[in-house]
């Protein structure tokens, strides 16, 4: 079988890596788990927010923390992270089955 040559279009390299900001409910274990991904691919910058034990780890609590860390406003002139156009925010929640395995 003869393969035809395919046109290959090379994309120009991006100037900055894409960033993924991860906010997870776990104080220790999830943070350690996602640390692994920081080393895998240099084209993606992974930032994992380290949740403190006294912070609200509910879905709305994590959303509030993410907003405070990312959104620039008059009330928040220096957010923790500089969010750019193609960046992503992940809110990671652990789900466990209940005793009766109901859904």
N, C-alpha and C. Protein backbone atom coordinates (compact mmCIF):
# COMPACT_ATOMS: atom_id res chain seq x y z
N UNK A 1 0.84 -1.17 0.00
CA UNK A 1 0.00 0.00 0.00
C UNK A 1 0.89 1.24 0.00
N UNK A 2 0.60 2.13 -0.90
CA UNK A 2 1.38 3.36 -1.01
C UNK A 2 0.65 4.47 -0.26
N UNK A 3 1.39 5.11 0.62
CA UNK A 3 0.81 6.21 1.36
C UNK A 3 1.12 7.53 0.65
N UNK A 4 0.14 8.32 0.50
CA UNK A 4 0.38 9.64 -0.10
C UNK A 4 0.93 10.57 0.95
N UNK A 5 1.74 11.48 0.49
CA UNK A 5 2.25 12.47 1.45
C UNK A 5 1.11 13.41 1.84
N UNK A 6 1.04 13.69 3.08
CA UNK A 6 0.00 14.57 3.59
C UNK A 6 0.60 15.93 3.84
N UNK A 7 -0.19 16.92 3.61
CA UNK A 7 0.27 18.27 3.91
C UNK A 7 0.30 18.44 5.42
N UNK A 8 1.38 18.95 5.88
CA UNK A 8 1.53 19.16 7.33
C UNK A 8 1.64 20.65 7.57
N UNK A 9 0.76 21.15 8.39
CA UNK A 9 0.78 22.58 8.69
C UNK A 9 1.26 22.77 10.13
N UNK A 10 2.40 23.35 10.26
CA UNK A 10 2.98 23.57 11.58
C UNK A 10 2.41 24.86 12.17
N UNK A 11 1.97 24.76 13.41
CA UNK A 11 1.47 25.95 14.09
C UNK A 11 2.63 26.69 14.74
N UNK A 12 2.56 28.01 14.73
CA UNK A 12 3.64 28.75 15.38
C UNK A 12 3.62 28.48 16.88
N UNK A 13 4.79 28.45 17.51
CA UNK A 13 4.83 28.18 18.95
C UNK A 13 4.15 29.30 19.72
N UNK A 14 3.47 28.92 20.77
CA UNK A 14 2.82 29.94 21.59
C UNK A 14 3.86 30.61 22.48
N UNK A 15 3.61 31.85 22.79
CA UNK A 15 4.56 32.60 23.61
C UNK A 15 4.48 32.20 25.08
N UNK A 16 3.30 31.86 25.52
CA UNK A 16 3.13 31.51 26.92
C UNK A 16 2.38 30.20 27.04
N UNK A 17 2.73 29.44 28.04
CA UNK A 17 2.05 28.18 28.28
C UNK A 17 0.65 28.44 28.81
N UNK A 18 -0.23 27.53 28.51
CA UNK A 18 -1.58 27.59 29.06
C UNK A 18 -1.50 27.25 30.54
N UNK A 19 -2.31 27.91 31.34
CA UNK A 19 -2.34 27.62 32.77
C UNK A 19 -3.66 26.98 33.16
N UNK A 20 -3.58 26.03 34.06
CA UNK A 20 -4.76 25.40 34.65
C UNK A 20 -4.67 25.64 36.15
N UNK A 21 -5.69 26.27 36.69
CA UNK A 21 -5.75 26.57 38.12
C UNK A 21 -6.72 25.58 38.75
N UNK A 22 -6.22 24.77 39.68
CA UNK A 22 -7.01 23.71 40.27
C UNK A 22 -7.32 24.05 41.73
N UNK A 23 -8.60 24.02 42.05
CA UNK A 23 -9.07 24.24 43.42
C UNK A 23 -9.79 22.96 43.82
N UNK A 24 -9.22 22.21 44.78
CA UNK A 24 -9.83 20.95 45.16
C UNK A 24 -10.21 20.96 46.64
N UNK A 25 -11.20 20.15 46.95
CA UNK A 25 -11.78 20.17 48.29
C UNK A 25 -10.87 19.61 49.37
N UNK A 26 -9.97 18.73 49.00
CA UNK A 26 -9.11 18.09 49.99
C UNK A 26 -7.98 19.00 50.43
N UNK A 27 -7.69 18.97 51.71
CA UNK A 27 -6.62 19.80 52.27
C UNK A 27 -5.25 19.22 51.94
N UNK A 28 -5.13 17.89 51.94
CA UNK A 28 -3.81 17.28 51.77
C UNK A 28 -3.72 16.35 50.56
N UNK A 29 -4.57 15.34 50.52
CA UNK A 29 -4.42 14.26 49.56
C UNK A 29 -4.59 14.72 48.10
N UNK A 30 -5.65 15.48 47.80
CA UNK A 30 -5.86 15.94 46.43
C UNK A 30 -4.75 16.88 45.98
N UNK A 31 -4.28 17.72 46.90
CA UNK A 31 -3.17 18.62 46.58
C UNK A 31 -1.94 17.82 46.17
N UNK A 32 -1.61 16.79 46.92
CA UNK A 32 -0.46 15.94 46.59
C UNK A 32 -0.66 15.23 45.26
N UNK A 33 -1.87 14.77 45.01
CA UNK A 33 -2.16 14.06 43.76
C UNK A 33 -1.92 14.95 42.55
N UNK A 34 -2.43 16.16 42.58
CA UNK A 34 -2.29 17.05 41.43
C UNK A 34 -0.88 17.63 41.28
N UNK A 35 -0.07 17.58 42.32
CA UNK A 35 1.32 18.02 42.22
C UNK A 35 2.05 17.22 41.15
N UNK A 36 1.67 15.96 40.99
CA UNK A 36 2.29 15.08 40.00
C UNK A 36 2.19 15.67 38.59
N UNK A 37 1.05 16.28 38.28
CA UNK A 37 0.81 16.80 36.94
C UNK A 37 1.60 18.06 36.62
N UNK A 38 2.13 18.71 37.63
CA UNK A 38 2.93 19.90 37.39
C UNK A 38 4.20 19.57 36.61
N UNK A 39 4.69 18.36 36.73
CA UNK A 39 5.96 17.96 36.12
C UNK A 39 5.82 17.31 34.74
N UNK A 40 4.62 16.96 34.33
CA UNK A 40 4.44 16.15 33.13
C UNK A 40 4.70 16.91 31.82
N UNK A 41 4.12 18.08 31.65
CA UNK A 41 4.17 18.76 30.37
C UNK A 41 4.48 20.23 30.57
N UNK A 42 5.57 20.69 29.98
CA UNK A 42 5.97 22.08 30.18
C UNK A 42 5.10 23.06 29.40
N UNK A 43 4.28 22.55 28.49
CA UNK A 43 3.40 23.44 27.73
C UNK A 43 2.18 23.86 28.54
N UNK A 44 1.97 23.19 29.65
CA UNK A 44 0.83 23.51 30.50
C UNK A 44 1.35 23.83 31.89
N UNK A 45 0.98 24.98 32.38
CA UNK A 45 1.36 25.40 33.73
C UNK A 45 0.22 25.02 34.67
N UNK A 46 0.47 24.13 35.59
CA UNK A 46 -0.56 23.69 36.54
C UNK A 46 -0.30 24.37 37.88
N UNK A 47 -1.30 25.07 38.36
CA UNK A 47 -1.23 25.71 39.68
C UNK A 47 -2.31 25.09 40.55
N UNK A 48 -1.91 24.52 41.67
CA UNK A 48 -2.86 23.90 42.59
C UNK A 48 -2.96 24.77 43.82
N UNK A 49 -4.17 25.21 44.11
CA UNK A 49 -4.39 26.04 45.29
C UNK A 49 -4.33 25.14 46.52
N UNK A 50 -3.51 25.50 47.49
CA UNK A 50 -3.41 24.72 48.73
C UNK A 50 -4.46 25.23 49.71
N UNK A 51 -5.48 24.44 49.89
CA UNK A 51 -6.60 24.78 50.77
C UNK A 51 -6.16 24.67 52.22
N UNK A 52 -6.52 25.66 53.01
CA UNK A 52 -6.22 25.63 54.43
C UNK A 52 -7.37 24.96 55.18
N UNK A 53 -7.09 24.30 56.31
CA UNK A 53 -8.13 23.55 57.02
C UNK A 53 -9.34 24.39 57.42
N UNK A 54 -9.17 25.67 57.64
CA UNK A 54 -10.29 26.51 58.08
C UNK A 54 -11.13 27.05 56.92
N UNK A 55 -10.68 26.84 55.66
CA UNK A 55 -11.42 27.37 54.51
C UNK A 55 -12.59 26.47 54.13
N UNK A 56 -13.60 27.08 53.54
CA UNK A 56 -14.81 26.38 53.12
C UNK A 56 -14.51 25.53 51.88
N UNK A 57 -14.61 24.21 52.01
CA UNK A 57 -14.31 23.33 50.89
C UNK A 57 -15.57 22.81 50.18
N UNK A 58 -16.70 23.47 50.40
CA UNK A 58 -17.92 23.12 49.66
C UNK A 58 -17.77 23.63 48.22
N UNK A 59 -18.60 23.16 47.29
CA UNK A 59 -18.49 23.66 45.91
C UNK A 59 -18.58 25.19 45.82
N UNK A 60 -19.52 25.79 46.54
CA UNK A 60 -19.64 27.25 46.50
C UNK A 60 -18.46 27.93 47.20
N UNK A 61 -17.95 27.30 48.24
CA UNK A 61 -16.79 27.83 48.93
C UNK A 61 -15.56 27.83 48.03
N UNK A 62 -15.36 26.74 47.29
CA UNK A 62 -14.24 26.66 46.36
C UNK A 62 -14.38 27.67 45.22
N UNK A 63 -15.61 27.86 44.76
CA UNK A 63 -15.86 28.87 43.73
C UNK A 63 -15.51 30.26 44.24
N UNK A 64 -15.89 30.56 45.45
CA UNK A 64 -15.57 31.86 46.06
C UNK A 64 -14.06 32.05 46.20
N UNK A 65 -13.36 31.01 46.62
CA UNK A 65 -11.90 31.08 46.75
C UNK A 65 -11.27 31.31 45.38
N UNK A 66 -11.75 30.58 44.37
CA UNK A 66 -11.22 30.72 43.01
C UNK A 66 -11.43 32.15 42.50
N UNK A 67 -12.61 32.70 42.73
CA UNK A 67 -12.89 34.07 42.28
C UNK A 67 -11.93 35.06 42.94
N UNK A 68 -11.68 34.88 44.23
CA UNK A 68 -10.78 35.79 44.96
C UNK A 68 -9.33 35.66 44.46
N UNK A 69 -8.95 34.47 44.00
CA UNK A 69 -7.59 34.25 43.54
C UNK A 69 -7.36 34.68 42.10
N UNK A 70 -8.44 34.86 41.33
CA UNK A 70 -8.29 35.08 39.90
C UNK A 70 -8.85 36.41 39.40
N UNK A 71 -9.99 36.82 39.92
CA UNK A 71 -10.69 37.98 39.36
C UNK A 71 -10.13 39.28 39.91
N UNK A 72 -9.70 40.12 38.99
CA UNK A 72 -9.19 41.45 39.32
C UNK A 72 -10.38 42.40 39.47
N UNK A 73 -10.43 43.12 40.59
CA UNK A 73 -11.52 44.08 40.82
C UNK A 73 -11.01 45.17 41.75
N UNK A 74 -11.86 46.17 41.99
CA UNK A 74 -11.50 47.23 42.93
C UNK A 74 -11.29 46.67 44.33
N UNK A 75 -12.11 45.69 44.71
CA UNK A 75 -11.98 45.05 46.02
C UNK A 75 -10.80 44.08 46.08
N UNK A 76 -10.35 43.64 44.92
CA UNK A 76 -9.27 42.65 44.83
C UNK A 76 -8.23 43.13 43.80
N UNK A 77 -7.44 44.14 44.14
CA UNK A 77 -6.51 44.71 43.15
C UNK A 77 -5.30 43.82 42.83
N UNK A 78 -5.01 42.85 43.67
CA UNK A 78 -3.85 41.97 43.44
C UNK A 78 -4.25 40.50 43.63
N UNK A 79 -4.94 39.93 42.63
CA UNK A 79 -5.29 38.50 42.77
C UNK A 79 -4.03 37.64 42.78
N UNK A 80 -4.16 36.47 43.36
CA UNK A 80 -3.03 35.55 43.50
C UNK A 80 -2.48 35.09 42.14
N UNK A 81 -3.38 34.85 41.18
CA UNK A 81 -2.99 34.34 39.87
C UNK A 81 -3.33 35.34 38.77
N UNK A 82 -2.51 35.35 37.72
CA UNK A 82 -2.79 36.19 36.55
C UNK A 82 -3.48 35.32 35.51
N UNK A 83 -4.77 35.49 35.38
CA UNK A 83 -5.58 34.66 34.49
C UNK A 83 -5.56 35.26 33.08
N UNK A 84 -5.16 34.43 32.09
CA UNK A 84 -5.10 34.87 30.71
C UNK A 84 -6.20 34.20 29.89
N UNK A 85 -6.32 34.61 28.64
CA UNK A 85 -7.45 34.22 27.79
C UNK A 85 -7.70 32.72 27.68
N UNK A 86 -6.69 31.90 27.45
CA UNK A 86 -6.90 30.47 27.24
C UNK A 86 -6.73 29.62 28.51
N UNK A 87 -6.57 30.26 29.63
CA UNK A 87 -6.40 29.52 30.88
C UNK A 87 -7.71 28.86 31.31
N UNK A 88 -7.59 27.89 32.19
CA UNK A 88 -8.76 27.16 32.70
C UNK A 88 -8.75 27.14 34.22
N UNK A 89 -9.95 27.09 34.78
CA UNK A 89 -10.10 26.93 36.23
C UNK A 89 -10.85 25.63 36.45
N UNK A 90 -10.30 24.77 37.29
CA UNK A 90 -10.93 23.50 37.62
C UNK A 90 -11.29 23.52 39.10
N UNK A 91 -12.52 23.12 39.39
CA UNK A 91 -12.93 22.90 40.77
C UNK A 91 -13.16 21.40 40.88
N UNK A 92 -12.36 20.75 41.70
CA UNK A 92 -12.35 19.29 41.78
C UNK A 92 -12.99 18.85 43.08
N UNK A 93 -14.00 17.99 42.95
CA UNK A 93 -14.71 17.46 44.11
C UNK A 93 -14.61 15.95 44.13
N UNK A 94 -14.40 15.40 45.28
CA UNK A 94 -14.35 13.96 45.47
C UNK A 94 -15.77 13.46 45.66
N UNK A 95 -16.11 12.38 45.00
CA UNK A 95 -17.43 11.78 45.20
C UNK A 95 -17.25 10.39 45.77
N UNK A 96 -18.00 10.10 46.77
CA UNK A 96 -17.97 8.78 47.40
C UNK A 96 -19.36 8.19 47.37
N UNK A 97 -19.43 6.87 47.24
CA UNK A 97 -20.71 6.20 47.30
C UNK A 97 -21.19 6.17 48.73
N UNK A 98 -22.49 6.30 48.92
CA UNK A 98 -23.02 6.19 50.27
C UNK A 98 -23.14 4.72 50.66
N UNK A 99 -23.52 4.47 51.88
CA UNK A 99 -23.58 3.09 52.41
C UNK A 99 -24.52 2.20 51.60
N UNK A 100 -25.61 2.76 51.09
CA UNK A 100 -26.60 1.97 50.35
C UNK A 100 -26.33 1.96 48.85
N UNK A 101 -25.26 2.61 48.41
CA UNK A 101 -24.89 2.69 47.01
C UNK A 101 -26.03 3.25 46.16
N UNK A 102 -26.73 4.22 46.71
CA UNK A 102 -27.82 4.84 45.94
C UNK A 102 -27.24 5.92 45.03
N UNK A 103 -28.00 6.28 44.03
CA UNK A 103 -27.53 7.29 43.07
C UNK A 103 -28.53 8.38 42.90
